[in-house]
Amino acid sequence: MKILIDTNVLVSAVLRDRDPEAVIMFVANSDDFEFPRDRKDAKFLSCAVAAGADYFVTGDSDFNEAHQLLSTTILSVSQFKKLVSDRLA
């Protein structure tokens, strides 16, 4: 499974703790997942496509319409936690 996490999730993890931190720690501590980072939104989409990412975890609503452009599933932190990390933890 390949997972891409938006930098806004990283910032949320630092500022708010809980779900964002839990998702980042789950991904970072799992050897099976890739963890690329970048600052520009377009690069996230490019990275997701190039990596064939299964999931793109973001809190950025700008990506809501990108679902139509990618085979990658775009999820919020809470969606990813509920659907993936809580089930595999």
N, C-alpha and C. Protein backbone atom coordinates (compact mmCIF):
# COMPACT_ATOMS: atom_id res chain seq x y z
N MET A 1 0.85 -1.16 0.00
CA MET A 1 0.00 0.00 0.00
C MET A 1 0.89 1.23 0.00
N LYS A 2 0.61 2.20 -0.87
CA LYS A 2 1.37 3.45 -0.91
C LYS A 2 0.45 4.58 -0.43
N ILE A 3 0.99 5.42 0.43
CA ILE A 3 0.20 6.49 1.04
C ILE A 3 0.94 7.81 0.90
N LEU A 4 0.22 8.86 0.51
CA LEU A 4 0.77 10.20 0.40
C LEU A 4 0.06 11.08 1.41
N ILE A 5 0.82 11.80 2.21
CA ILE A 5 0.24 12.67 3.24
C ILE A 5 0.60 14.12 2.94
N ASP A 6 -0.41 14.98 2.89
CA ASP A 6 -0.24 16.40 2.63
C ASP A 6 0.45 17.07 3.82
N THR A 7 1.22 18.13 3.54
CA THR A 7 1.92 18.83 4.63
C THR A 7 0.95 19.45 5.63
N ASN A 8 -0.29 19.78 5.20
CA ASN A 8 -1.22 20.37 6.17
C ASN A 8 -1.59 19.37 7.26
N VAL A 9 -1.50 18.09 6.96
CA VAL A 9 -1.73 17.07 7.98
C VAL A 9 -0.57 17.06 8.96
N LEU A 10 0.65 17.26 8.46
CA LEU A 10 1.81 17.35 9.35
C LEU A 10 1.69 18.53 10.30
N VAL A 11 1.27 19.67 9.76
CA VAL A 11 1.10 20.87 10.58
C VAL A 11 0.01 20.63 11.62
N SER A 12 -1.10 20.03 11.20
CA SER A 12 -2.18 19.73 12.15
C SER A 12 -1.71 18.80 13.25
N ALA A 13 -0.85 17.85 12.92
CA ALA A 13 -0.34 16.93 13.93
C ALA A 13 0.47 17.67 14.98
N VAL A 14 1.22 18.67 14.55
CA VAL A 14 2.03 19.45 15.48
C VAL A 14 1.14 20.35 16.34
N LEU A 15 0.14 20.96 15.72
CA LEU A 15 -0.69 21.94 16.43
C LEU A 15 -1.83 21.34 17.23
N ARG A 16 -2.43 20.26 16.71
CA ARG A 16 -3.65 19.76 17.34
C ARG A 16 -3.55 18.37 17.96
N ASP A 17 -2.57 17.60 17.55
CA ASP A 17 -2.41 16.26 18.11
C ASP A 17 -3.53 15.33 17.64
N ARG A 18 -3.89 14.37 18.36
CA ARG A 18 -4.91 13.35 18.17
C ARG A 18 -4.89 12.67 16.81
N ASP A 19 -5.97 12.77 16.01
CA ASP A 19 -6.07 12.01 14.76
C ASP A 19 -4.92 12.27 13.79
N PRO A 20 -4.58 13.54 13.49
CA PRO A 20 -3.46 13.74 12.56
C PRO A 20 -2.17 13.09 13.06
N GLU A 21 -1.88 13.24 14.34
CA GLU A 21 -0.67 12.62 14.89
C GLU A 21 -0.75 11.10 14.82
N ALA A 22 -1.91 10.55 15.12
CA ALA A 22 -2.07 9.09 15.08
C ALA A 22 -1.86 8.54 13.68
N VAL A 23 -2.40 9.24 12.66
CA VAL A 23 -2.24 8.79 11.28
C VAL A 23 -0.78 8.88 10.87
N ILE A 24 -0.12 9.99 11.17
CA ILE A 24 1.29 10.17 10.78
C ILE A 24 2.17 9.13 11.48
N MET A 25 1.95 8.90 12.74
CA MET A 25 2.74 7.91 13.47
C MET A 25 2.50 6.51 12.92
N PHE A 26 1.26 6.20 12.57
CA PHE A 26 0.95 4.90 11.99
C PHE A 26 1.71 4.70 10.68
N VAL A 27 1.66 5.71 9.80
CA VAL A 27 2.34 5.61 8.50
C VAL A 27 3.86 5.60 8.69
N ALA A 28 4.36 6.50 9.52
CA ALA A 28 5.81 6.61 9.70
C ALA A 28 6.40 5.36 10.34
N ASN A 29 5.65 4.70 11.17
CA ASN A 29 6.15 3.50 11.85
C ASN A 29 5.88 2.21 11.09
N SER A 30 5.26 2.31 9.93
CA SER A 30 4.96 1.13 9.13
C SER A 30 5.93 1.06 7.96
N ASP A 31 6.71 0.01 7.90
CA ASP A 31 7.71 -0.15 6.85
C ASP A 31 7.10 -0.32 5.46
N ASP A 32 5.84 -0.71 5.39
CA ASP A 32 5.20 -0.99 4.10
C ASP A 32 4.74 0.27 3.35
N PHE A 33 4.75 1.43 3.99
CA PHE A 33 4.20 2.63 3.38
C PHE A 33 5.30 3.61 2.98
N GLU A 34 5.07 4.34 1.87
CA GLU A 34 5.97 5.44 1.47
C GLU A 34 5.45 6.74 2.08
N PHE A 35 6.35 7.66 2.38
CA PHE A 35 5.99 8.89 3.06
C PHE A 35 6.62 10.11 2.36
N PRO A 36 6.27 10.41 1.10
CA PRO A 36 6.85 11.58 0.42
C PRO A 36 6.25 12.88 0.94
N ARG A 37 7.03 13.97 0.90
CA ARG A 37 6.55 15.28 1.35
C ARG A 37 6.93 16.35 0.33
N ASP A 38 6.10 17.35 0.19
CA ASP A 38 6.39 18.48 -0.67
C ASP A 38 5.49 19.64 -0.28
N ARG A 39 5.81 20.83 -0.76
CA ARG A 39 5.06 22.02 -0.37
C ARG A 39 3.96 22.41 -1.33
N LYS A 40 4.06 22.11 -2.58
CA LYS A 40 3.08 22.59 -3.56
C LYS A 40 2.05 21.52 -3.88
N ASP A 41 0.80 21.94 -3.97
CA ASP A 41 -0.29 21.00 -4.22
C ASP A 41 -0.11 20.18 -5.49
N ALA A 42 0.31 20.80 -6.55
CA ALA A 42 0.46 20.09 -7.82
C ALA A 42 1.45 18.95 -7.70
N LYS A 43 2.46 19.15 -6.91
CA LYS A 43 3.47 18.10 -6.73
C LYS A 43 2.89 16.90 -5.99
N PHE A 44 1.92 17.13 -5.11
CA PHE A 44 1.29 16.01 -4.42
C PHE A 44 0.54 15.13 -5.41
N LEU A 45 -0.20 15.77 -6.30
CA LEU A 45 -0.94 14.99 -7.30
C LEU A 45 0.02 14.25 -8.23
N SER A 46 1.09 14.92 -8.64
CA SER A 46 2.09 14.28 -9.49
C SER A 46 2.73 13.09 -8.79
N CYS A 47 3.03 13.28 -7.54
CA CYS A 47 3.65 12.22 -6.76
C CYS A 47 2.70 11.04 -6.60
N ALA A 48 1.45 11.33 -6.32
CA ALA A 48 0.46 10.26 -6.16
C ALA A 48 0.34 9.44 -7.44
N VAL A 49 0.32 10.13 -8.58
CA VAL A 49 0.22 9.44 -9.87
C VAL A 49 1.49 8.64 -10.14
N ALA A 50 2.65 9.27 -9.97
CA ALA A 50 3.93 8.60 -10.25
C ALA A 50 4.15 7.40 -9.36
N ALA A 51 3.74 7.50 -8.10
CA ALA A 51 3.95 6.42 -7.15
C ALA A 51 2.87 5.35 -7.23
N GLY A 52 1.77 5.68 -7.91
CA GLY A 52 0.65 4.76 -7.92
C GLY A 52 0.08 4.61 -6.52
N ALA A 53 0.03 5.73 -5.78
CA ALA A 53 -0.41 5.72 -4.39
C ALA A 53 -1.83 5.19 -4.26
N ASP A 54 -2.05 4.37 -3.27
CA ASP A 54 -3.40 3.88 -2.98
C ASP A 54 -4.23 4.95 -2.29
N TYR A 55 -3.58 5.72 -1.41
CA TYR A 55 -4.27 6.76 -0.65
C TYR A 55 -3.48 8.05 -0.66
N PHE A 56 -4.20 9.18 -0.66
CA PHE A 56 -3.63 10.51 -0.46
C PHE A 56 -4.40 11.09 0.72
N VAL A 57 -3.74 11.29 1.85
CA VAL A 57 -4.36 11.80 3.06
C VAL A 57 -4.10 13.30 3.13
N THR A 58 -5.17 14.08 3.18
CA THR A 58 -5.04 15.53 3.19
C THR A 58 -6.19 16.17 3.95
N GLY A 59 -5.93 17.35 4.47
CA GLY A 59 -6.97 18.16 5.08
C GLY A 59 -7.30 19.35 4.20
N ASP A 60 -6.72 19.38 3.02
CA ASP A 60 -6.87 20.49 2.08
C ASP A 60 -8.07 20.24 1.17
N SER A 61 -9.12 21.04 1.30
CA SER A 61 -10.33 20.86 0.50
C SER A 61 -10.12 21.17 -0.97
N ASP A 62 -8.98 21.75 -1.33
CA ASP A 62 -8.67 22.01 -2.74
C ASP A 62 -8.59 20.70 -3.53
N PHE A 63 -8.35 19.61 -2.86
CA PHE A 63 -8.21 18.32 -3.53
C PHE A 63 -9.53 17.58 -3.71
N ASN A 64 -10.64 18.15 -3.24
CA ASN A 64 -11.92 17.46 -3.33
C ASN A 64 -12.28 17.07 -4.76
N GLU A 65 -12.00 17.93 -5.72
CA GLU A 65 -12.33 17.64 -7.11
C GLU A 65 -11.29 16.76 -7.79
N ALA A 66 -10.17 16.55 -7.16
CA ALA A 66 -9.11 15.73 -7.76
C ALA A 66 -9.48 14.24 -7.78
N HIS A 67 -10.52 13.86 -7.04
CA HIS A 67 -10.96 12.46 -7.05
C HIS A 67 -11.22 11.99 -8.47
N GLN A 68 -11.68 12.90 -9.32
CA GLN A 68 -12.01 12.55 -10.70
C GLN A 68 -10.77 12.37 -11.56
N LEU A 69 -9.64 12.89 -11.12
CA LEU A 69 -8.41 12.85 -11.91
C LEU A 69 -7.50 11.68 -11.58
N LEU A 70 -7.68 11.09 -10.41
CA LEU A 70 -6.75 10.08 -9.93
C LEU A 70 -7.43 8.74 -9.66
N SER A 71 -6.64 7.70 -9.73
CA SER A 71 -7.12 6.41 -9.24
C SER A 71 -6.82 6.29 -7.75
N THR A 72 -6.00 7.20 -7.23
CA THR A 72 -5.67 7.27 -5.81
C THR A 72 -6.90 7.73 -5.03
N THR A 73 -7.17 7.09 -3.92
CA THR A 73 -8.28 7.48 -3.06
C THR A 73 -7.83 8.63 -2.17
N ILE A 74 -8.53 9.75 -2.23
CA ILE A 74 -8.19 10.93 -1.43
C ILE A 74 -9.09 10.92 -0.20
N LEU A 75 -8.45 10.93 0.97
CA LEU A 75 -9.18 10.85 2.24
C LEU A 75 -8.73 11.95 3.20
N SER A 76 -9.65 12.36 4.07
CA SER A 76 -9.27 13.24 5.16
C SER A 76 -8.56 12.39 6.22
N VAL A 77 -7.98 13.05 7.19
CA VAL A 77 -7.30 12.34 8.27
C VAL A 77 -8.27 11.41 9.00
N SER A 78 -9.45 11.93 9.34
CA SER A 78 -10.40 11.10 10.09
C SER A 78 -10.90 9.93 9.25
N GLN A 79 -11.09 10.13 7.94
CA GLN A 79 -11.51 9.03 7.07
C GLN A 79 -10.43 7.96 7.01
N PHE A 80 -9.17 8.37 6.83
CA PHE A 80 -8.08 7.41 6.77
C PHE A 80 -7.95 6.64 8.08
N LYS A 81 -8.04 7.37 9.19
CA LYS A 81 -7.92 6.72 10.50
C LYS A 81 -9.00 5.66 10.66
N LYS A 82 -10.24 6.01 10.32
CA LYS A 82 -11.37 5.09 10.48
C LYS A 82 -11.27 3.90 9.52
N LEU A 83 -10.93 4.16 8.26
CA LEU A 83 -10.95 3.12 7.23
C LEU A 83 -9.69 2.28 7.16
N VAL A 84 -8.54 2.85 7.57
CA VAL A 84 -7.28 2.13 7.39
C VAL A 84 -6.54 1.91 8.71
N SER A 85 -6.08 2.98 9.34
CA SER A 85 -5.19 2.79 10.50
C SER A 85 -5.87 2.13 11.68
N ASP A 86 -7.15 2.44 11.96
CA ASP A 86 -7.84 1.78 13.07
C ASP A 86 -8.04 0.29 12.80
N ARG A 87 -8.23 -0.06 11.53
CA ARG A 87 -8.45 -1.47 11.17
C ARG A 87 -7.16 -2.28 11.16
N LEU A 88 -6.03 -1.63 10.82
CA LEU A 88 -4.77 -2.35 10.71
C LEU A 88 -3.89 -2.25 11.94
N ALA A 89 -4.28 -1.38 12.87
CA ALA A 89 -3.46 -1.18 14.08
C ALA A 89 -3.56 -2.35 15.02
